[in-house]
Structures are given as structure tokens and as C-alpha cells.
Amino acid sequence: MNLILFDDTRREHLLPLSFTRPIAEFRVGILTIREKWEKHLGVKASFLCEAYLQKKFPLVTSEENLLIAGTILPNIKLIEAVQKLKSGQALRYNDDLIAIACKSEISLDESDYDVQDYQGEIMRINNLWDIFSLNDKALRADFELLTKGRKSADISPDNKIMGNQFFAEEGAVAYHSIFNTTTGPIYLAKDSEVWEGSVIRGPFSLGEHSIVKLASKIYGATTVGPESRVGGEVNNSVIFGFSNKGHDGFLGNSVLGEWCNIGADSNNSNLKNNYADVKLWSYPKQGFESTGLQFCGLIMGDHSKCGINTMFNTGTVVGVSSNIFGSGFPRNFIPSFSWGGAQGITEYKLAKAAETAEKVMERRHVPFGETEQELLAHIYELSASFRQGG
């Protein structure tokens, strides 16, 4: 069947990261959710998502379609269940449709199908903090999927590797570093680099053409997506890709989207001084909600940046295309297209934000075309109310 990954009712809970992509393009573990399903099912996927995203992430339909909720991570039992679906049948989990087999007429209405309740366990991205909370389990599963029956490429013998869960793809380079895989697997993708003096404790994944800079300290479960730079101290964080945290400073229990940049010596808090559960901004509630977690750091949307020595408080959410700088702690919720910091925030004008985005993407040889311009413009309008009163 033709595979379609659809955004479900959790989308608004996953803003600002879902402002710029379908949920299935979230990276959790080594792979994005889309890449996981494609690898398991041996097919290419398209997306059913918000109308303004469909130009960049087009929907492809066929005479026979298999729809799967983009929040759901695959496992063997679930894969077997969805593969058994016949046209007109659907799977439900906790009152939500999670998989549908249908003809070319696409519908997400439960009443249109013969619905069966799925009885197995699933991993699902319900909230922003699930991305780093589930990263350990997802990274281990992806490591097994990608490396089963394969042999790691050789890396320099001057590295110290503890344990037997290390895998490097061809072209990966590392020198004079320590890799501890007794706590979880370590995966270095094609043409990635680990510079001298780094200490990495698994689970950890480094994406294609990404770099761990000199004398970095990284402990799991941490994922660095493709075309990224990371340095300093990083703990249990996910960087989707094309982003930089290249200098000293701490990033913990956090998620960075794409095209983000963390200035030198910037830090985030991931634990409150009173050890209370962390609250995080909720777009649907337009207020803060408890995560139920003691450890929760920074969530940063695509194209956002911070200057040197920026301090983010526990449970801070930064929207899309914001530029944060200055002394002191900025507020815990920073709307999209914001400019400033603790001393005050003004609007980051669309033209200026787009100009910066174009320059940043050029450095990775990715064109900033009409589609990207329209996408930013739409998010600028969508997020206007949060800048005015949020």
C-alpha cells in the first residue's frame, strides 16, 4: 500500500516544533519517525498535514493507501498489525485512530471504517518533553535496526571504546576520544566527525556530516541530527539537524529544531532549585502545564538563535525565528519572531528574519526559496497573537 503519515490531534501540543513540519518529521532516536516507518515497511511515505505545510511536504495518494498517525513510533507487533489491515479497516488505540487502510478517498472519520482496538504497547509523541524522554528507548531500537548483521567501519585505534555497542558508518572519523557504550549504543553516521579529547557516554547518535567539537562532554540519551555542530556539555537532548551548539555551555533535557544556533557559553537550567516538577508553555491552553518531570530544559523552534552567555530558565519554550540575547533570564515562553531578552522583547520583522534564514541555509548549501519564504510568512501571521498578548 501507499504509505501516508498523518498529523493527529496532538499537533497543537507539539508547537512550536510542529509549526514548520509534520509530526512524522520529528527526530526521536537516530531516525525521524518517517524514516523509521520507511525503513521497516520498505516504502516511501508522504504526509497528510496542515494545508500551509503541504507545499513543502506534499501528499501522495494511490488506489490503496495505508495511513499511520505521525506521532506513533513503530514496533514489531504494531508493524504486523498495520500490515494485516485490509481496505476499509482501521486500528484504534485509546480512542484515537492510529492506522487506516483505505481507497483513494481519504478520510480520518472513524465511522467510515471497520475499527479494531490495538491491544499492544506503543511509543507515542504526545507532548514536547516526550521527544527527549523517549529518546533512550528509540535510539536503542534504531541502533538495532540500522546495524543488525552489519560490521562497523574502522576508526582510529587511538580512541578508547568501552563495551561492544559502537558502530561507525563509512567516512566517520574520530581521534583521541573516549566512547563508553556500556550504558548504551553509540552510532556515528556517514562522514561525521568527533574531534580530539571528547568523552561520550551512550546512548548517543551523531548524524551525517555533523561534528562533535574539541573536548566535548556528552551523555545519553542524546541525538545530534545531520549537518550540526555540538560542543561543551550536553545531556539527554535532541537536535533535529542543521543546528549549532558548538561552544562551551550546558544543554540538558532539551530539544532544538533545525537552523538554530546557541551562542558561546550559553546554558539552560533543567532542574528547579526546589526540585519541583517543571511546567512548560502549552499552546492549546495558552498557559503553562505541568510536565510531571523534575528535569526539563529548553525547547527551541526552527531558525531561532541566542547570543553569547544567554541563560535559559528551566522549562523554556522559544518559538520560530526568534533572536534572544542580553543578560539575565528571558521569560519562559518566547513567542515566534521575537527579538530581545530579559530587558524586553520586540517583534523580529519578517523581512529581517527571512534575510537571516537565507544566509544561514546558504552556509549548508540549502536553498531558501519561495516555499520557505511562504512558510515563514504564514507562521509569522499564525503567531501574531502571541507576540501581542502572549
Protein backbone atom coordinates (compact mmCIF):
# COMPACT_ATOMS: atom_id res chain seq x y z
CA MET A 1 0.00 0.00 0.00
CA ASN A 2 0.92 3.67 -0.46
CA LEU A 3 2.15 4.98 2.93
CA ILE A 4 0.77 8.28 4.30
CA LEU A 5 1.72 9.65 7.72
CA PHE A 6 -0.95 11.94 9.12
CA ASP A 7 -0.89 14.61 11.81
CA ASP A 8 -3.33 13.79 14.58
CA THR A 9 -4.93 15.74 17.40
CA ARG A 10 -1.61 16.09 19.25
CA ARG A 11 -0.22 18.58 16.71
CA GLU A 12 -1.05 21.74 18.70
CA HIS A 13 0.55 20.23 21.80
CA LEU A 14 3.78 19.89 19.79
CA LEU A 15 4.10 23.52 18.75
CA PRO A 16 6.45 25.30 18.07
CA LEU A 17 8.26 22.31 16.52
CA SER A 18 5.16 21.37 14.51
CA PHE A 19 4.83 24.91 13.13
CA THR A 20 7.43 24.03 10.49
CA ARG A 21 7.00 20.28 9.83
CA PRO A 22 4.63 17.34 10.04
CA ILE A 23 4.99 15.41 13.28
CA ALA A 24 6.48 12.43 11.43
CA GLU A 25 9.48 14.62 10.57
CA PHE A 26 10.39 14.87 14.28
CA ARG A 27 13.67 13.13 15.08
CA VAL A 28 13.45 10.74 18.04
CA GLY A 29 16.32 8.30 18.39
CA ILE A 30 18.64 8.13 15.37
CA LEU A 31 15.94 8.44 12.72
CA THR A 32 12.91 10.65 12.16
CA ILE A 33 9.55 8.96 12.67
CA ARG A 34 9.10 8.94 8.88
CA GLU A 35 12.46 7.30 8.33
CA LYS A 36 11.60 4.59 10.87
CA TRP A 37 8.37 3.62 9.10
CA GLU A 38 10.01 3.76 5.67
CA LYS A 39 12.85 1.52 6.85
CA HIS A 40 10.51 -1.02 8.45
CA LEU A 41 7.97 -1.15 5.60
CA GLY A 42 10.36 -0.70 2.68
CA VAL A 43 8.34 2.11 1.07
CA LYS A 44 8.45 5.91 0.76
CA ALA A 45 5.98 7.97 2.78
CA SER A 46 4.14 11.22 2.14
CA PHE A 47 2.22 13.43 4.56
CA LEU A 48 -1.30 14.49 5.43
CA CYS A 49 -0.79 17.66 7.44
CA GLU A 50 -1.79 21.32 7.76
CA ALA A 51 -2.65 22.93 4.42
CA TYR A 52 0.15 25.52 4.66
CA LEU A 53 2.72 22.71 5.10
CA GLN A 54 1.55 20.59 2.17
CA LYS A 55 3.51 22.54 -0.45
CA LYS A 56 6.78 21.59 1.23
CA PHE A 57 5.53 18.19 2.40
CA PRO A 58 3.17 17.03 -0.38
CA LEU A 59 0.51 14.35 -0.06
CA VAL A 60 0.69 11.42 -2.49
CA THR A 61 -2.36 9.16 -2.80
CA SER A 62 -2.94 5.90 -4.62
CA GLU A 63 -5.71 3.38 -5.21
CA GLU A 64 -4.71 1.64 -1.97
CA ASN A 65 -3.43 3.71 0.95
CA LEU A 66 -2.10 2.94 4.40
CA LEU A 67 -2.40 5.87 6.81
CA ILE A 68 -0.46 5.87 10.08
CA ALA A 69 -0.51 8.55 12.79
CA GLY A 70 2.74 10.51 12.63
CA THR A 71 3.03 10.58 16.43
CA ILE A 72 3.45 6.79 16.58
CA LEU A 73 6.86 5.10 16.62
CA PRO A 74 6.91 1.61 15.04
CA ASN A 75 7.50 -1.66 16.85
CA ILE A 76 7.33 -5.22 15.57
CA LYS A 77 3.84 -6.04 16.89
CA LEU A 78 2.38 -2.77 15.56
CA ILE A 79 4.04 -3.26 12.18
CA GLU A 80 2.47 -6.72 11.91
CA ALA A 81 -0.93 -5.30 12.85
CA VAL A 82 -0.89 -2.49 10.28
CA GLN A 83 0.33 -4.83 7.55
CA LYS A 84 -2.70 -7.07 8.13
CA LEU A 85 -5.20 -4.24 7.60
CA LYS A 86 -7.46 -4.59 4.57
CA SER A 87 -9.08 -1.66 2.80
CA GLY A 88 -11.85 -0.24 4.97
CA GLN A 89 -10.27 -1.36 8.23
CA ALA A 90 -8.61 0.76 10.93
CA LEU A 91 -6.76 0.40 14.22
CA ARG A 92 -7.71 2.36 17.32
CA TYR A 93 -5.65 2.95 20.44
CA ASN A 94 -7.03 4.80 23.49
CA ASP A 95 -9.94 6.18 21.43
CA ASP A 96 -7.64 7.50 18.68
CA LEU A 97 -7.29 6.11 15.16
CA ILE A 98 -3.64 5.20 14.68
CA ALA A 99 -3.76 3.33 11.34
CA ILE A 100 -6.19 3.20 8.41
CA ALA A 101 -6.32 1.19 5.20
CA CYS A 102 -8.43 2.90 2.56
CA LYS A 103 -9.00 3.55 -1.13
CA SER A 104 -8.15 6.84 -2.87
CA GLU A 105 -10.90 8.66 -0.95
CA ILE A 106 -9.03 9.70 2.21
CA SER A 107 -11.00 10.06 5.45
CA LEU A 108 -9.98 10.26 9.10
CA ASP A 109 -13.56 9.74 10.30
CA GLU A 110 -13.80 6.62 12.47
CA SER A 111 -17.36 5.93 11.31
CA ASP A 112 -16.08 5.23 7.78
CA TYR A 113 -14.17 2.12 8.86
CA ASP A 114 -14.36 -1.27 10.47
CA VAL A 115 -12.39 -0.36 13.59
CA GLN A 116 -10.34 -2.79 15.66
CA ASP A 117 -8.77 -1.93 19.00
CA TYR A 118 -5.00 -2.37 19.07
CA GLN A 119 -4.00 -4.25 22.24
CA GLY A 120 -0.22 -3.90 22.15
CA GLU A 121 2.10 -1.26 23.55
CA ILE A 122 3.12 1.80 21.58
CA MET A 123 5.58 4.65 21.88
CA ARG A 124 3.93 7.93 21.00
CA ILE A 125 4.93 11.59 20.98
CA ASN A 126 2.09 13.21 22.91
CA ASN A 127 3.98 16.18 24.31
CA LEU A 128 7.17 18.10 23.61
CA TRP A 129 9.03 16.52 26.51
CA ASP A 130 8.36 13.03 25.14
CA ILE A 131 10.98 13.72 22.46
CA PHE A 132 13.87 13.60 24.95
CA SER A 133 12.09 11.34 27.46
CA LEU A 134 11.63 8.57 24.85
CA ASN A 135 14.96 9.18 23.15
CA ASP A 136 16.81 6.46 25.07
CA LYS A 137 14.41 3.70 24.06
CA ALA A 138 14.03 4.99 20.49
CA LEU A 139 17.78 5.34 19.98
CA ARG A 140 18.41 1.75 21.09
CA ALA A 141 15.71 0.46 18.74
CA ASP A 142 17.09 2.45 15.79
CA PHE A 143 20.63 1.27 16.53
CA GLU A 144 19.49 -2.35 16.34
CA LEU A 145 17.52 -1.66 13.15
CA LEU A 146 20.41 0.08 11.37
CA THR A 147 23.30 -2.14 12.46
CA LYS A 148 21.83 -5.66 12.66
CA GLY A 149 24.00 -8.08 10.71
CA ARG A 150 26.49 -5.34 9.78
CA LYS A 151 30.05 -4.60 10.84
CA SER A 152 31.22 -1.17 11.96
CA ALA A 153 33.73 0.70 9.83
CA ASP A 154 37.15 1.09 11.40
CA ILE A 155 38.10 4.25 13.25
CA SER A 156 41.46 5.31 14.59
CA PRO A 157 42.90 2.93 17.21
CA ASP A 158 43.91 5.90 19.37
CA ASN A 159 40.29 6.12 20.57
CA LYS A 160 39.16 4.28 23.71
CA ILE A 161 35.96 2.26 23.20
CA MET A 162 34.34 0.60 26.20
CA GLY A 163 31.69 -2.04 25.61
CA ASN A 164 30.57 -3.60 22.33
CA GLN A 165 27.78 -1.31 21.10
CA PHE A 166 29.82 1.06 18.95
CA PHE A 167 29.07 1.50 15.25
CA ALA A 168 30.63 3.86 12.72
CA GLU A 169 29.43 4.21 9.15
CA GLU A 170 31.94 4.59 6.32
CA GLY A 171 33.57 8.00 6.36
CA ALA A 172 33.05 8.61 10.09
CA VAL A 173 36.17 9.98 11.78
CA ALA A 174 37.19 10.13 15.46
CA TYR A 175 40.53 10.74 17.16
CA HIS A 176 41.77 10.51 20.75
CA SER A 177 38.28 10.33 22.25
CA ILE A 178 36.54 8.08 24.77
CA PHE A 179 33.35 6.21 23.88
CA ASN A 180 31.51 4.39 26.68
CA THR A 181 28.90 2.03 25.23
CA THR A 182 28.37 0.06 28.43
CA THR A 183 25.48 2.44 29.18
CA GLY A 184 24.01 2.37 25.66
CA PRO A 185 24.93 2.26 21.98
CA ILE A 186 26.93 4.92 20.14
CA TYR A 187 26.29 5.50 16.43
CA LEU A 188 28.40 7.70 14.15
CA ALA A 189 26.74 8.32 10.78
CA LYS A 190 28.48 8.67 7.43
CA ASP A 191 31.07 11.46 7.23
CA SER A 192 30.54 12.55 10.84
CA GLU A 193 33.47 13.68 13.00
CA VAL A 194 34.39 13.51 16.66
CA TRP A 195 37.28 15.83 17.44
CA GLU A 196 40.07 15.14 19.91
CA GLY A 197 39.54 14.88 23.63
CA SER A 198 35.79 14.28 23.60
CA VAL A 199 34.12 11.97 26.12
CA ILE A 200 30.85 10.40 25.00
CA ARG A 201 28.64 8.14 27.07
CA GLY A 202 25.87 6.26 25.26
CA PRO A 203 23.19 6.13 24.12
CA PHE A 204 24.35 8.68 21.53
CA SER A 205 23.83 9.28 17.84
CA LEU A 206 25.72 11.68 15.55
CA GLY A 207 24.14 12.47 12.17
CA GLU A 208 25.71 12.67 8.72
CA HIS A 209 28.25 15.49 8.24
CA SER A 210 27.86 16.51 11.89
CA ILE A 211 30.75 17.35 14.21
CA VAL A 212 31.43 16.92 17.92
CA LYS A 213 33.95 19.65 18.65
CA LEU A 214 37.09 19.56 20.80
CA ALA A 215 36.88 18.17 24.35
CA SER A 216 33.09 17.85 24.41
CA LYS A 217 31.25 16.02 27.20
CA ILE A 218 28.12 14.24 26.04
CA TYR A 219 25.99 11.75 27.87
CA GLY A 220 22.84 9.99 26.85
CA ALA A 221 20.41 9.68 25.63
CA THR A 222 21.47 12.37 23.16
CA THR A 223 20.83 12.68 19.42
CA VAL A 224 22.55 15.11 17.09
CA GLY A 225 20.90 15.17 13.65
CA PRO A 226 22.65 15.80 10.32
CA GLU A 227 24.75 18.85 9.43
CA SER A 228 25.08 20.03 13.04
CA ARG A 229 27.86 21.15 15.37
CA VAL A 230 27.93 20.36 19.06
CA GLY A 231 30.35 21.16 21.85
CA GLY A 232 30.55 21.77 25.59
CA GLU A 233 28.31 19.68 27.83
CA VAL A 234 25.16 18.00 26.51
CA ASN A 235 22.79 15.66 28.35
CA ASN A 236 19.64 13.84 27.17
CA SER A 237 18.92 16.27 24.35
CA VAL A 238 17.74 16.00 20.74
CA ILE A 239 18.95 18.28 17.94
CA PHE A 240 16.80 17.71 14.87
CA GLY A 241 19.53 18.78 12.42
CA PHE A 242 21.23 21.73 10.68
CA SER A 243 21.77 23.42 14.06
CA ASN A 244 24.75 24.51 16.12
CA LYS A 245 25.59 24.31 19.80
CA GLY A 246 29.27 24.48 19.04
CA HIS A 247 30.81 26.02 22.17
CA ASP A 248 31.14 25.52 25.92
CA GLY A 249 27.94 25.74 27.92
CA PHE A 250 25.29 23.26 29.08
CA LEU A 251 22.31 21.89 27.15
CA GLY A 252 20.20 19.36 29.04
CA ASN A 253 16.82 17.65 28.65
CA SER A 254 16.20 19.86 25.64
CA VAL A 255 15.12 19.85 22.00
CA LEU A 256 16.43 22.11 19.25
CA GLY A 257 14.71 22.26 15.86
CA GLU A 258 16.54 23.00 12.61
CA TRP A 259 18.63 26.09 11.78
CA CYS A 260 19.09 27.01 15.44
CA ASN A 261 22.26 28.47 16.92
CA ILE A 262 23.28 28.53 20.59
CA GLY A 263 25.85 31.23 21.39
CA ALA A 264 29.11 30.56 23.23
CA ASP A 265 28.86 29.89 26.98
CA SER A 266 25.07 29.79 26.89
CA ASN A 267 23.35 27.50 29.39
CA ASN A 268 19.94 26.16 30.21
CA SER A 269 18.63 25.05 33.57
CA ASN A 270 16.99 21.62 33.54
CA LEU A 271 16.20 21.32 37.27
CA LYS A 272 14.39 23.78 39.53
CA ASN A 273 16.12 24.85 42.74
CA ASN A 274 13.24 23.43 44.80
CA TYR A 275 13.20 20.17 42.77
CA ALA A 276 9.54 20.71 41.88
CA ASP A 277 8.01 19.38 38.65
CA VAL A 278 8.73 21.63 35.69
CA LYS A 279 5.93 23.50 33.92
CA LEU A 280 6.10 24.14 30.18
CA TRP A 281 4.18 26.52 27.92
CA SER A 282 1.18 24.88 26.22
CA TYR A 283 -0.10 26.44 23.01
CA PRO A 284 -3.58 24.84 23.26
CA LYS A 285 -4.02 26.01 26.86
CA GLN A 286 -2.26 29.34 26.23
CA GLY A 287 -0.64 28.89 29.59
CA PHE A 288 1.78 26.66 31.46
CA GLU A 289 1.14 22.99 32.22
CA SER A 290 2.99 20.52 34.42
CA THR A 291 5.25 18.08 32.61
CA GLY A 292 5.34 15.74 35.59
CA LEU A 293 9.14 15.82 35.20
CA GLN A 294 11.85 17.09 37.52
CA PHE A 295 14.20 17.53 34.55
CA CYS A 296 13.09 19.64 31.58
CA GLY A 297 15.18 22.27 29.82
CA LEU A 298 14.83 24.22 26.58
CA ILE A 299 12.52 23.69 23.58
CA MET A 300 13.59 25.85 20.62
CA GLY A 301 11.73 26.14 17.31
CA ASP A 302 13.37 26.33 13.87
CA HIS A 303 15.50 29.33 12.87
CA SER A 304 15.83 30.64 16.44
CA LYS A 305 19.12 31.85 17.88
CA CYS A 306 20.63 33.07 21.11
CA GLY A 307 23.65 35.29 21.74
CA ILE A 308 26.67 34.53 23.91
CA ASN A 309 26.15 33.89 27.62
CA THR A 310 22.38 33.51 27.28
CA MET A 311 20.72 31.89 30.31
CA PHE A 312 17.51 29.91 29.78
CA ASN A 313 15.46 29.03 32.82
CA THR A 314 14.02 25.60 33.50
CA GLY A 315 11.24 24.72 31.06
CA THR A 316 11.69 27.49 28.47
CA VAL A 317 9.90 27.39 25.11
CA VAL A 318 11.22 29.53 22.25
CA GLY A 319 9.15 29.80 19.08
CA VAL A 320 10.23 30.00 15.43
CA SER A 321 12.68 32.67 14.17
CA SER A 322 13.38 34.37 17.47
CA ASN A 323 16.66 36.06 18.39
CA ILE A 324 17.42 36.07 22.12
CA PHE A 325 20.31 37.94 23.73
CA GLY A 326 21.40 40.02 26.72
CA SER A 327 21.97 39.42 30.43
CA GLY A 328 19.51 37.83 32.84
CA PHE A 329 16.92 35.12 32.32
CA PRO A 330 14.45 35.79 29.50
CA ARG A 331 10.83 34.75 30.08
CA ASN A 332 9.91 31.05 29.99
CA PHE A 333 7.78 31.48 26.87
CA ILE A 334 9.20 33.45 23.95
CA PRO A 335 6.78 33.76 21.00
CA SER A 336 7.87 33.26 17.42
CA PHE A 337 9.54 36.22 15.70
CA SER A 338 10.71 37.81 18.96
CA TRP A 339 13.82 40.00 19.33
CA GLY A 340 15.45 40.73 22.69
CA GLY A 341 15.68 39.12 26.10
CA ALA A 342 15.24 39.77 29.81
CA GLN A 343 15.42 43.53 29.30
CA GLY A 344 12.47 43.46 26.92
CA ILE A 345 11.25 41.86 23.72
CA THR A 346 10.11 43.43 20.47
CA GLU A 347 8.96 41.96 17.19
CA TYR A 348 11.54 40.43 14.86
CA LYS A 349 10.32 41.73 11.50
CA LEU A 350 9.60 39.07 8.89
CA ALA A 351 11.87 40.58 6.23
CA LYS A 352 14.85 40.61 8.60
CA ALA A 353 14.14 37.08 9.86
CA ALA A 354 13.87 35.77 6.29
CA GLU A 355 17.12 37.50 5.33
CA THR A 356 18.93 35.78 8.22
CA ALA A 357 17.36 32.40 7.41
CA GLU A 358 18.57 32.66 3.82
CA LYS A 359 22.14 33.39 4.91
CA VAL A 360 22.14 30.56 7.46
CA MET A 361 20.80 28.00 4.99
CA GLU A 362 23.32 29.07 2.33
CA ARG A 363 26.12 28.01 4.70
CA ARG A 364 24.80 24.44 4.48
CA HIS A 365 24.19 24.74 0.72
CA VAL A 366 20.41 24.52 1.18
CA PRO A 367 18.39 26.97 -0.94
CA PHE A 368 15.99 29.38 0.73
CA GLY A 369 13.32 29.51 -1.94
CA GLU A 370 9.74 30.64 -2.36
CA THR A 371 8.37 27.70 -0.37
CA GLU A 372 10.48 28.51 2.68
CA GLN A 373 9.60 32.21 2.39
CA GLU A 374 5.88 31.43 2.26
CA LEU A 375 6.19 29.05 5.19
CA LEU A 376 7.86 31.64 7.42
CA ALA A 377 5.34 34.28 6.35
CA HIS A 378 2.44 32.02 7.30
CA ILE A 379 3.93 31.21 10.71
CA TYR A 380 4.56 34.94 11.24
CA GLU A 381 0.82 35.54 10.83
CA LEU A 382 -0.19 32.47 12.85
CA SER A 383 1.93 33.55 15.80
CA ALA A 384 1.00 37.25 15.80
CA SER A 385 -1.45 36.98 18.69
CA PHE A 386 1.20 35.50 21.00
CA ARG A 387 3.51 38.46 20.37
CA GLN A 388 0.73 40.95 21.01
CA GLY A 389 -0.74 39.46 24.13
CA GLY A 390 1.05 36.20 24.81
